[in-house]
């Protein structure tokens, strides 16, 4: 990193390394294909937003581990920042929709076997929130950041830390997984119902729960918009990563991910509230 020193002249471009950033859009088509530039820029910007989201997720985890009401409120504030990042991610998908399918096909074949499916940072976000899938992670083994994803797989997630916080405050909750018994699931739902039946008495926790639902909702919305964008561009063709990811790429697989929820109990509790 550049050390400007106290007497150096710091410029906007120098601080943000704009010159270096603008050299990173290397197109593969020769002669150049106009829409390839926007395709590269949109995806590079995604990776920058993913980096910021992970930065915020790590701080949310730290705050929830600290566990005071003030820490919980600050974690809630940062969760809403993550929600706004996801909102921007949804909007960026519509930039890709300005491509004509025929124009995309001109350079799409050159992307093989690269695929957005292989974004390590997106998989990190899923793991860090609580959606861990070692099989999906394995498809990024050739990426230099794969080791970081492995760390995420083996580390506590926001969902884990959230449940620890609730248990420390006397709520009997367990994570939604294949090993959870019906009895434990019922106790967890009852615990969340206590918070949701009287939100004013549990204000910091209630606001935290709603912020987590907001992040979960916008991650789901991102997936839905992504599926529609992909279908609009390539129909039901296989994705460009087929050689790497087998049958897990393309519109058919993406459609199976739409029901994924990080915090299903926070969605289910609404069905048992009576007012």
C-alpha atoms as a PDB file:
ATOM      1  CA  UNK A   1       0.000   0.000   0.000  1.00  0.00           C
ATOM      2  CA  UNK A   2       1.273   3.471  -0.840  1.00  0.00           C
ATOM      3  CA  UNK A   3       2.588   5.491   2.110  1.00  0.00           C
ATOM      4  CA  UNK A   4       1.819   9.078   1.237  1.00  0.00           C
ATOM      5  CA  UNK A   5       3.357  10.527   4.377  1.00  0.00           C
ATOM      6  CA  UNK A   6       2.369  13.768   6.063  1.00  0.00           C
ATOM      7  CA  UNK A   7       3.924  15.998   3.415  1.00  0.00           C
ATOM      8  CA  UNK A   8       2.830  14.088   0.329  1.00  0.00           C
ATOM      9  CA  UNK A   9       0.109  15.423  -1.920  1.00  0.00           C
ATOM     10  CA  UNK A  10      -2.809  13.003  -1.629  1.00  0.00           C
ATOM     11  CA  UNK A  11      -5.152  12.991  -4.601  1.00  0.00           C
ATOM     12  CA  UNK A  12      -8.537  11.377  -5.163  1.00  0.00           C
ATOM     13  CA  UNK A  13      -7.133   9.209  -7.941  1.00  0.00           C
ATOM     14  CA  UNK A  14      -4.072   8.216  -5.944  1.00  0.00           C
ATOM     15  CA  UNK A  15      -6.009   7.302  -2.815  1.00  0.00           C
ATOM     16  CA  UNK A  16      -8.440   5.102  -4.760  1.00  0.00           C
ATOM     17  CA  UNK A  17      -5.820   3.740  -7.204  1.00  0.00           C
ATOM     18  CA  UNK A  18      -8.092   4.725 -10.072  1.00  0.00           C
ATOM     19  CA  UNK A  19      -5.429   4.240 -12.745  1.00  0.00           C
ATOM     20  CA  UNK A  20      -4.866   0.643 -11.638  1.00  0.00           C
ATOM     21  CA  UNK A  21      -8.620  -0.036 -11.460  1.00  0.00           C
ATOM     22  CA  UNK A  22      -9.165   1.195 -14.998  1.00  0.00           C
ATOM     23  CA  UNK A  23      -6.500  -1.148 -16.353  1.00  0.00           C
ATOM     24  CA  UNK A  24      -8.326  -4.257 -15.129  1.00  0.00           C
ATOM     25  CA  UNK A  25     -11.044  -4.435 -17.799  1.00  0.00           C
ATOM     26  CA  UNK A  26      -9.332  -6.783 -20.240  1.00  0.00           C
ATOM     27  CA  UNK A  27     -11.637  -7.887 -23.035  1.00  0.00           C
ATOM     28  CA  UNK A  28     -11.201 -11.263 -24.749  1.00  0.00           C
ATOM     29  CA  UNK A  29     -12.957 -10.531 -28.042  1.00  0.00           C
ATOM     30  CA  UNK A  30     -10.817  -9.560 -31.042  1.00  0.00           C
ATOM     31  CA  UNK A  31     -12.098  -7.467 -32.662  1.00  0.00           C
ATOM     32  CA  UNK A  32     -13.571  -5.940 -29.479  1.00  0.00           C
ATOM     33  CA  UNK A  33     -17.227  -6.616 -28.738  1.00  0.00           C
ATOM     34  CA  UNK A  34     -18.940  -3.515 -27.359  1.00  0.00           C
ATOM     35  CA  UNK A  35     -21.035  -5.212 -24.618  1.00  0.00           C
ATOM     36  CA  UNK A  36     -18.139  -7.194 -23.199  1.00  0.00           C
ATOM     37  CA  UNK A  37     -16.917  -4.062 -21.395  1.00  0.00           C
ATOM     38  CA  UNK A  38     -20.148  -3.602 -19.440  1.00  0.00           C
ATOM     39  CA  UNK A  39     -20.215  -7.341 -18.643  1.00  0.00           C
ATOM     40  CA  UNK A  40     -16.730  -7.159 -17.114  1.00  0.00           C
ATOM     41  CA  UNK A  41     -17.349  -3.905 -15.228  1.00  0.00           C
ATOM     42  CA  UNK A  42     -20.631  -5.093 -13.698  1.00  0.00           C
ATOM     43  CA  UNK A  43     -19.057  -8.306 -12.433  1.00  0.00           C
ATOM     44  CA  UNK A  44     -15.935  -6.591 -11.132  1.00  0.00           C
ATOM     45  CA  UNK A  45     -18.129  -4.128  -9.257  1.00  0.00           C
ATOM     46  CA  UNK A  46     -20.059  -7.071  -7.805  1.00  0.00           C
ATOM     47  CA  UNK A  47     -16.834  -8.439  -6.373  1.00  0.00           C
ATOM     48  CA  UNK A  48     -16.080  -5.064  -4.768  1.00  0.00           C
ATOM     49  CA  UNK A  49     -19.542  -4.976  -3.172  1.00  0.00           C
ATOM     50  CA  UNK A  50     -19.061  -8.572  -2.006  1.00  0.00           C
ATOM     51  CA  UNK A  51     -15.809  -7.526  -0.375  1.00  0.00           C
ATOM     52  CA  UNK A  52     -17.558  -4.731   1.500  1.00  0.00           C
ATOM     53  CA  UNK A  53     -20.404  -7.046   2.519  1.00  0.00           C
ATOM     54  CA  UNK A  54     -17.905  -9.514   4.000  1.00  0.00           C
ATOM     55  CA  UNK A  55     -16.147  -6.653   5.805  1.00  0.00           C
ATOM     56  CA  UNK A  56     -19.469  -5.689   7.404  1.00  0.00           C
ATOM     57  CA  UNK A  57     -20.452  -9.297   8.153  1.00  0.00           C
ATOM     58  CA  UNK A  58     -17.223  -9.799  10.102  1.00  0.00           C
ATOM     59  CA  UNK A  59     -17.940  -6.701  12.171  1.00  0.00           C
ATOM     60  CA  UNK A  60     -21.528  -7.823  12.809  1.00  0.00           C
ATOM     61  CA  UNK A  61     -20.178 -11.104  14.144  1.00  0.00           C
ATOM     62  CA  UNK A  62     -17.747  -9.285  16.421  1.00  0.00           C
ATOM     63  CA  UNK A  63     -20.504  -7.056  17.785  1.00  0.00           C
ATOM     64  CA  UNK A  64     -22.900  -9.940  18.398  1.00  0.00           C
ATOM     65  CA  UNK A  65     -20.190 -11.833  20.261  1.00  0.00           C
ATOM     66  CA  UNK A  66     -19.671  -8.765  22.483  1.00  0.00           C
ATOM     67  CA  UNK A  67     -23.406  -8.939  23.130  1.00  0.00           C
ATOM     68  CA  UNK A  68     -24.405  -5.724  24.936  1.00  0.00           C
ATOM     69  CA  UNK A  69     -27.538  -3.838  23.871  1.00  0.00           C
ATOM     70  CA  UNK A  70     -25.338  -1.151  22.325  1.00  0.00           C
ATOM     71  CA  UNK A  71     -23.383  -3.781  20.400  1.00  0.00           C
ATOM     72  CA  UNK A  72     -26.634  -5.357  19.187  1.00  0.00           C
ATOM     73  CA  UNK A  73     -27.894  -1.978  17.967  1.00  0.00           C
ATOM     74  CA  UNK A  74     -24.652  -1.344  16.090  1.00  0.00           C
ATOM     75  CA  UNK A  75     -24.821  -4.813  14.556  1.00  0.00           C
ATOM     76  CA  UNK A  76     -28.378  -4.051  13.451  1.00  0.00           C
ATOM     77  CA  UNK A  77     -27.226  -0.810  11.823  1.00  0.00           C
ATOM     78  CA  UNK A  78     -24.551  -2.660   9.845  1.00  0.00           C
ATOM     79  CA  UNK A  79     -27.005  -5.371   8.803  1.00  0.00           C
ATOM     80  CA  UNK A  80     -29.095  -2.659   7.185  1.00  0.00           C
ATOM     81  CA  UNK A  81     -25.951  -1.538   5.375  1.00  0.00           C
ATOM     82  CA  UNK A  82     -25.548  -5.096   4.062  1.00  0.00           C
ATOM     83  CA  UNK A  83     -29.189  -4.987   2.949  1.00  0.00           C
ATOM     84  CA  UNK A  84     -28.466  -1.817   0.973  1.00  0.00           C
ATOM     85  CA  UNK A  85     -25.475  -3.493  -0.673  1.00  0.00           C
ATOM     86  CA  UNK A  86     -27.760  -6.335  -1.750  1.00  0.00           C
ATOM     87  CA  UNK A  87     -30.259  -3.806  -3.104  1.00  0.00           C
ATOM     88  CA  UNK A  88     -27.522  -2.342  -5.288  1.00  0.00           C
ATOM     89  CA  UNK A  89     -26.636  -5.863  -6.407  1.00  0.00           C
ATOM     90  CA  UNK A  90     -30.212  -6.398  -7.556  1.00  0.00           C
ATOM     91  CA  UNK A  91     -30.184  -3.109  -9.483  1.00  0.00           C
ATOM     92  CA  UNK A  92     -26.917  -4.046 -11.211  1.00  0.00           C
ATOM     93  CA  UNK A  93     -28.535  -7.152 -12.669  1.00  0.00           C
ATOM     94  CA  UNK A  94     -30.811  -4.930 -14.725  1.00  0.00           C
ATOM     95  CA  UNK A  95     -27.781  -3.318 -16.364  1.00  0.00           C
ATOM     96  CA  UNK A  96     -26.946  -6.750 -17.774  1.00  0.00           C
ATOM     97  CA  UNK A  97     -30.490  -6.999 -19.095  1.00  0.00           C
ATOM     98  CA  UNK A  98     -29.762  -4.094 -21.452  1.00  0.00           C
ATOM     99  CA  UNK A  99     -27.687  -6.523 -23.531  1.00  0.00           C
ATOM    100  CA  UNK A 100     -29.358  -8.055 -26.526  1.00  0.00           C
ATOM    101  CA  UNK A 101     -29.159 -11.875 -26.262  1.00  0.00           C
ATOM    102  CA  UNK A 102     -27.565 -12.080 -29.708  1.00  0.00           C
ATOM    103  CA  UNK A 103     -24.816  -9.657 -28.650  1.00  0.00           C
ATOM    104  CA  UNK A 104     -24.117 -11.661 -25.488  1.00  0.00           C
ATOM    105  CA  UNK A 105     -23.758 -14.843 -27.536  1.00  0.00           C
ATOM    106  CA  UNK A 106     -20.940 -13.231 -29.530  1.00  0.00           C
ATOM    107  CA  UNK A 107     -18.563 -13.369 -26.558  1.00  0.00           C
ATOM    108  CA  UNK A 108     -20.286 -15.835 -24.201  1.00  0.00           C
ATOM    109  CA  UNK A 109     -18.478 -18.891 -25.606  1.00  0.00           C
ATOM    110  CA  UNK A 110     -15.144 -17.249 -24.836  1.00  0.00           C
ATOM    111  CA  UNK A 111     -16.000 -17.289 -21.121  1.00  0.00           C
ATOM    112  CA  UNK A 112     -15.894 -21.104 -20.864  1.00  0.00           C
ATOM    113  CA  UNK A 113     -15.331 -22.585 -18.311  1.00  0.00           C
ATOM    114  CA  UNK A 114     -15.480 -19.423 -16.188  1.00  0.00           C
ATOM    115  CA  UNK A 115     -18.823 -18.772 -14.485  1.00  0.00           C
ATOM    116  CA  UNK A 116     -20.272 -16.437 -11.882  1.00  0.00           C
ATOM    117  CA  UNK A 117     -21.151 -19.669 -10.094  1.00  0.00           C
ATOM    118  CA  UNK A 118     -17.460 -19.793  -9.124  1.00  0.00           C
ATOM    119  CA  UNK A 119     -17.440 -16.471  -7.243  1.00  0.00           C
ATOM    120  CA  UNK A 120     -15.566 -17.310  -4.044  1.00  0.00           C
ATOM    121  CA  UNK A 121     -16.696 -14.131  -2.317  1.00  0.00           C
ATOM    122  CA  UNK A 122     -20.371 -14.850  -2.952  1.00  0.00           C
ATOM    123  CA  UNK A 123     -19.884 -18.334  -1.476  1.00  0.00           C
ATOM    124  CA  UNK A 124     -18.106 -16.680   1.447  1.00  0.00           C
ATOM    125  CA  UNK A 125     -21.132 -14.461   2.037  1.00  0.00           C
ATOM    126  CA  UNK A 126     -23.429 -17.488   2.071  1.00  0.00           C
ATOM    127  CA  UNK A 127     -21.142 -19.338   4.504  1.00  0.00           C
ATOM    128  CA  UNK A 128     -20.626 -16.308   6.731  1.00  0.00           C
ATOM    129  CA  UNK A 129     -24.384 -15.808   7.029  1.00  0.00           C
ATOM    130  CA  UNK A 130     -25.084 -19.485   7.727  1.00  0.00           C
ATOM    131  CA  UNK A 131     -25.680 -21.276   4.406  1.00  0.00           C
ATOM    132  CA  UNK A 132     -22.773 -23.714   4.239  1.00  0.00           C
ATOM    133  CA  UNK A 133     -22.454 -26.222   1.420  1.00  0.00           C
ATOM    134  CA  UNK A 134     -19.059 -27.986   1.101  1.00  0.00           C
ATOM    135  CA  UNK A 135     -20.026 -29.331  -2.334  1.00  0.00           C
ATOM    136  CA  UNK A 136     -20.565 -25.839  -3.715  1.00  0.00           C
ATOM    137  CA  UNK A 137     -17.345 -24.668  -2.093  1.00  0.00           C
ATOM    138  CA  UNK A 138     -15.420 -27.480  -3.771  1.00  0.00           C
ATOM    139  CA  UNK A 139     -16.064 -25.989  -7.211  1.00  0.00           C
ATOM    140  CA  UNK A 140     -13.821 -23.027  -6.380  1.00  0.00           C
ATOM    141  CA  UNK A 141     -10.762 -25.140  -5.527  1.00  0.00           C
ATOM    142  CA  UNK A 142      -8.697 -23.577  -8.320  1.00  0.00           C
ATOM    143  CA  UNK A 143      -9.299 -20.047  -7.046  1.00  0.00           C
ATOM    144  CA  UNK A 144      -6.523 -18.381  -5.003  1.00  0.00           C
ATOM    145  CA  UNK A 145      -9.130 -17.427  -2.375  1.00  0.00           C
ATOM    146  CA  UNK A 146     -10.409 -20.981  -1.932  1.00  0.00           C
ATOM    147  CA  UNK A 147      -8.519 -21.366   1.354  1.00  0.00           C
ATOM    148  CA  UNK A 148     -10.397 -18.350   2.727  1.00  0.00           C
ATOM    149  CA  UNK A 149     -13.678 -19.985   1.772  1.00  0.00           C
ATOM    150  CA  UNK A 150     -12.601 -23.136   3.620  1.00  0.00           C
ATOM    151  CA  UNK A 151     -12.007 -21.026   6.715  1.00  0.00           C
ATOM    152  CA  UNK A 152     -15.538 -19.638   6.391  1.00  0.00           C
ATOM    153  CA  UNK A 153     -16.917 -23.158   6.113  1.00  0.00           C
ATOM    154  CA  UNK A 154     -15.218 -24.175   9.347  1.00  0.00           C
ATOM    155  CA  UNK A 155     -15.897 -20.969  11.304  1.00  0.00           C
ATOM    156  CA  UNK A 156     -18.941 -19.665  13.147  1.00  0.00           C
ATOM    157  CA  UNK A 157     -21.514 -17.905  11.009  1.00  0.00           C
ATOM    158  CA  UNK A 158     -23.725 -14.947  11.853  1.00  0.00           C
ATOM    159  CA  UNK A 159     -26.533 -17.431  12.444  1.00  0.00           C
ATOM    160  CA  UNK A 160     -24.359 -19.316  14.950  1.00  0.00           C
ATOM    161  CA  UNK A 161     -23.370 -16.161  16.808  1.00  0.00           C
ATOM    162  CA  UNK A 162     -26.962 -14.898  16.747  1.00  0.00           C
ATOM    163  CA  UNK A 163     -28.176 -18.084  18.421  1.00  0.00           C
ATOM    164  CA  UNK A 164     -25.366 -17.880  20.990  1.00  0.00           C
ATOM    165  CA  UNK A 165     -26.466 -14.340  21.828  1.00  0.00           C
ATOM    166  CA  UNK A 166     -30.057 -15.489  22.349  1.00  0.00           C
ATOM    167  CA  UNK A 167     -29.013 -18.443  24.494  1.00  0.00           C
ATOM    168  CA  UNK A 168     -26.892 -16.137  26.644  1.00  0.00           C
ATOM    169  CA  UNK A 169     -30.064 -14.109  27.222  1.00  0.00           C
ATOM    170  CA  UNK A 170     -32.084 -17.129  28.280  1.00  0.00           C
ATOM    171  CA  UNK A 171     -33.771 -18.152  25.022  1.00  0.00           C
ATOM    172  CA  UNK A 172     -33.784 -21.861  24.123  1.00  0.00           C
ATOM    173  CA  UNK A 173     -32.875 -21.851  20.427  1.00  0.00           C
ATOM    174  CA  UNK A 174     -31.123 -24.281  18.104  1.00  0.00           C
ATOM    175  CA  UNK A 175     -30.003 -23.840  14.520  1.00  0.00           C
ATOM    176  CA  UNK A 176     -32.162 -25.146  11.654  1.00  0.00           C
ATOM    177  CA  UNK A 177     -30.388 -28.225  10.319  1.00  0.00           C
ATOM    178  CA  UNK A 178     -31.036 -31.850   9.468  1.00  0.00           C
ATOM    179  CA  UNK A 179     -30.187 -33.003  12.998  1.00  0.00           C
ATOM    180  CA  UNK A 180     -32.664 -30.752  14.811  1.00  0.00           C
ATOM    181  CA  UNK A 181     -35.511 -32.627  16.477  1.00  0.00           C
ATOM    182  CA  UNK A 182     -39.128 -31.495  16.228  1.00  0.00           C
ATOM    183  CA  UNK A 183     -39.022 -30.713  19.939  1.00  0.00           C
ATOM    184  CA  UNK A 184     -36.007 -28.418  19.531  1.00  0.00           C
ATOM    185  CA  UNK A 185     -37.616 -26.775  16.517  1.00  0.00           C
ATOM    186  CA  UNK A 186     -40.744 -26.125  18.576  1.00  0.00           C
ATOM    187  CA  UNK A 187     -38.727 -24.625  21.441  1.00  0.00           C
ATOM    188  CA  UNK A 188     -36.898 -22.360  19.010  1.00  0.00           C
ATOM    189  CA  UNK A 189     -40.142 -21.142  17.461  1.00  0.00           C
ATOM    190  CA  UNK A 190     -41.555 -20.495  20.947  1.00  0.00           C
ATOM    191  CA  UNK A 191     -38.472 -18.463  21.856  1.00  0.00           C
ATOM    192  CA  UNK A 192     -38.841 -16.254  18.806  1.00  0.00           C
ATOM    193  CA  UNK A 193     -42.530 -15.906  19.512  1.00  0.00           C
ATOM    194  CA  UNK A 194     -41.694 -14.382  22.925  1.00  0.00           C
ATOM    195  CA  UNK A 195     -39.687 -11.696  21.165  1.00  0.00           C
ATOM    196  CA  UNK A 196     -42.264 -11.080  18.431  1.00  0.00           C
ATOM    197  CA  UNK A 197     -45.295 -11.116  20.739  1.00  0.00           C
ATOM    198  CA  UNK A 198     -43.835  -8.250  22.784  1.00  0.00           C
ATOM    199  CA  UNK A 199     -41.341  -6.394  20.575  1.00  0.00           C
ATOM    200  CA  UNK A 200     -41.266  -3.295  22.793  1.00  0.00           C
ATOM    201  CA  UNK A 201     -40.006  -5.311  25.769  1.00  0.00           C
ATOM    202  CA  UNK A 202     -37.314  -6.946  23.631  1.00  0.00           C
ATOM    203  CA  UNK A 203     -36.531  -3.987  21.423  1.00  0.00           C
ATOM    204  CA  UNK A 204     -32.816  -4.541  20.618  1.00  0.00           C
ATOM    205  CA  UNK A 205     -33.386  -8.231  19.877  1.00  0.00           C
ATOM    206  CA  UNK A 206     -36.554  -7.606  17.879  1.00  0.00           C
ATOM    207  CA  UNK A 207     -34.828  -4.985  15.715  1.00  0.00           C
ATOM    208  CA  UNK A 208     -31.904  -7.363  15.225  1.00  0.00           C
ATOM    209  CA  UNK A 209     -34.267 -10.149  14.136  1.00  0.00           C
ATOM    210  CA  UNK A 210     -35.945  -7.869  11.606  1.00  0.00           C
ATOM    211  CA  UNK A 211     -32.604  -6.701  10.225  1.00  0.00           C
ATOM    212  CA  UNK A 212     -31.580 -10.339   9.734  1.00  0.00           C
ATOM    213  CA  UNK A 213     -34.850 -11.002   7.909  1.00  0.00           C
ATOM    214  CA  UNK A 214     -34.185  -7.969   5.693  1.00  0.00           C
ATOM    215  CA  UNK A 215     -30.773  -9.341   4.697  1.00  0.00           C
ATOM    216  CA  UNK A 216     -32.274 -12.785   4.127  1.00  0.00           C
ATOM    217  CA  UNK A 217     -35.104 -11.325   2.031  1.00  0.00           C
ATOM    218  CA  UNK A 218     -32.787  -9.321  -0.203  1.00  0.00           C
ATOM    219  CA  UNK A 219     -30.470 -12.286  -0.718  1.00  0.00           C
ATOM    220  CA  UNK A 220     -33.537 -14.226  -1.894  1.00  0.00           C
ATOM    221  CA  UNK A 221     -34.599 -11.323  -4.118  1.00  0.00           C
ATOM    222  CA  UNK A 222     -31.099 -11.166  -5.606  1.00  0.00           C
ATOM    223  CA  UNK A 223     -31.343 -14.859  -6.510  1.00  0.00           C
ATOM    224  CA  UNK A 224     -34.792 -14.406  -8.057  1.00  0.00           C
ATOM    225  CA  UNK A 225     -33.748 -11.428 -10.148  1.00  0.00           C
ATOM    226  CA  UNK A 226     -30.572 -13.273 -11.126  1.00  0.00           C
ATOM    227  CA  UNK A 227     -32.566 -16.262 -12.373  1.00  0.00           C
ATOM    228  CA  UNK A 228     -34.820 -13.992 -14.435  1.00  0.00           C
ATOM    229  CA  UNK A 229     -31.835 -12.126 -15.881  1.00  0.00           C
ATOM    230  CA  UNK A 230     -30.105 -15.380 -16.865  1.00  0.00           C
ATOM    231  CA  UNK A 231     -33.288 -16.767 -18.430  1.00  0.00           C
ATOM    232  CA  UNK A 232     -33.794 -13.523 -20.318  1.00  0.00           C
ATOM    233  CA  UNK A 233     -30.284 -13.735 -21.792  1.00  0.00           C
ATOM    234  CA  UNK A 234     -29.749 -17.454 -22.469  1.00  0.00           C
ATOM    235  CA  UNK A 235     -33.081 -19.232 -21.881  1.00  0.00           C
ATOM    236  CA  UNK A 236     -32.505 -22.738 -20.501  1.00  0.00           C
ATOM    237  CA  UNK A 237     -29.047 -23.235 -22.039  1.00  0.00           C
ATOM    238  CA  UNK A 238     -26.396 -24.695 -19.698  1.00  0.00           C
ATOM    239  CA  UNK A 239     -24.171 -22.180 -17.946  1.00  0.00           C
ATOM    240  CA  UNK A 240     -20.615 -21.495 -19.094  1.00  0.00           C
ATOM    241  CA  UNK A 241     -19.259 -23.353 -16.054  1.00  0.00           C
ATOM    242  CA  UNK A 242     -20.671 -26.749 -17.004  1.00  0.00           C
ATOM    243  CA  UNK A 243     -17.228 -28.320 -17.358  1.00  0.00           C
ATOM    244  CA  UNK A 244     -16.359 -27.335 -13.798  1.00  0.00           C
ATOM    245  CA  UNK A 245     -19.664 -27.596 -11.963  1.00  0.00           C
ATOM    246  CA  UNK A 246     -21.381 -30.509 -13.717  1.00  0.00           C
ATOM    247  CA  UNK A 247     -25.163 -30.144 -13.580  1.00  0.00           C
ATOM    248  CA  UNK A 248     -25.129 -27.385 -10.968  1.00  0.00           C
ATOM    249  CA  UNK A 249     -24.876 -24.498 -13.421  1.00  0.00           C
ATOM    250  CA  UNK A 250     -27.501 -22.878 -15.596  1.00  0.00           C
ATOM    251  CA  UNK A 251     -31.097 -21.805 -15.139  1.00  0.00           C
ATOM    252  CA  UNK A 252     -32.410 -25.168 -13.936  1.00  0.00           C
ATOM    253  CA  UNK A 253     -30.037 -25.322 -10.992  1.00  0.00           C
ATOM    254  CA  UNK A 254     -30.408 -21.627 -10.177  1.00  0.00           C
ATOM    255  CA  UNK A 255     -34.168 -22.080  -9.942  1.00  0.00           C
ATOM    256  CA  UNK A 256     -33.692 -24.681  -7.185  1.00  0.00           C
ATOM    257  CA  UNK A 257     -31.915 -22.136  -4.969  1.00  0.00           C
ATOM    258  CA  UNK A 258     -34.847 -19.735  -4.704  1.00  0.00           C
ATOM    259  CA  UNK A 259     -36.252 -21.247  -1.499  1.00  0.00           C
ATOM    260  CA  UNK A 260     -32.975 -20.977   0.437  1.00  0.00           C
ATOM    261  CA  UNK A 261     -33.418 -19.080   3.708  1.00  0.00           C
ATOM    262  CA  UNK A 262     -30.672 -18.296   6.208  1.00  0.00           C
ATOM    263  CA  UNK A 263     -33.129 -17.689   9.058  1.00  0.00           C
ATOM    264  CA  UNK A 264     -36.201 -19.844   8.362  1.00  0.00           C
ATOM    265  CA  UNK A 265     -37.357 -19.634  12.006  1.00  0.00           C
ATOM    266  CA  UNK A 266     -37.642 -15.860  11.739  1.00  0.00           C
ATOM    267  CA  UNK A 267     -39.978 -16.367   8.790  1.00  0.00           C
ATOM    268  CA  UNK A 268     -41.977 -19.170  10.417  1.00  0.00           C
ATOM    269  CA  UNK A 269     -42.664 -17.267  13.643  1.00  0.00           C
ATOM    270  CA  UNK A 270     -45.035 -14.929  11.773  1.00  0.00           C
ATOM    271  CA  UNK A 271     -47.360 -17.850  11.100  1.00  0.00           C
ATOM    272  CA  UNK A 272     -47.931 -18.527  14.823  1.00  0.00           C
ATOM    273  CA  UNK A 273     -48.500 -14.962  16.027  1.00  0.00           C
ATOM    274  CA  UNK A 274     -52.074 -14.349  17.168  1.00  0.00           C
ATOM    275  CA  UNK A 275     -52.081 -10.683  18.149  1.00  0.00           C
END
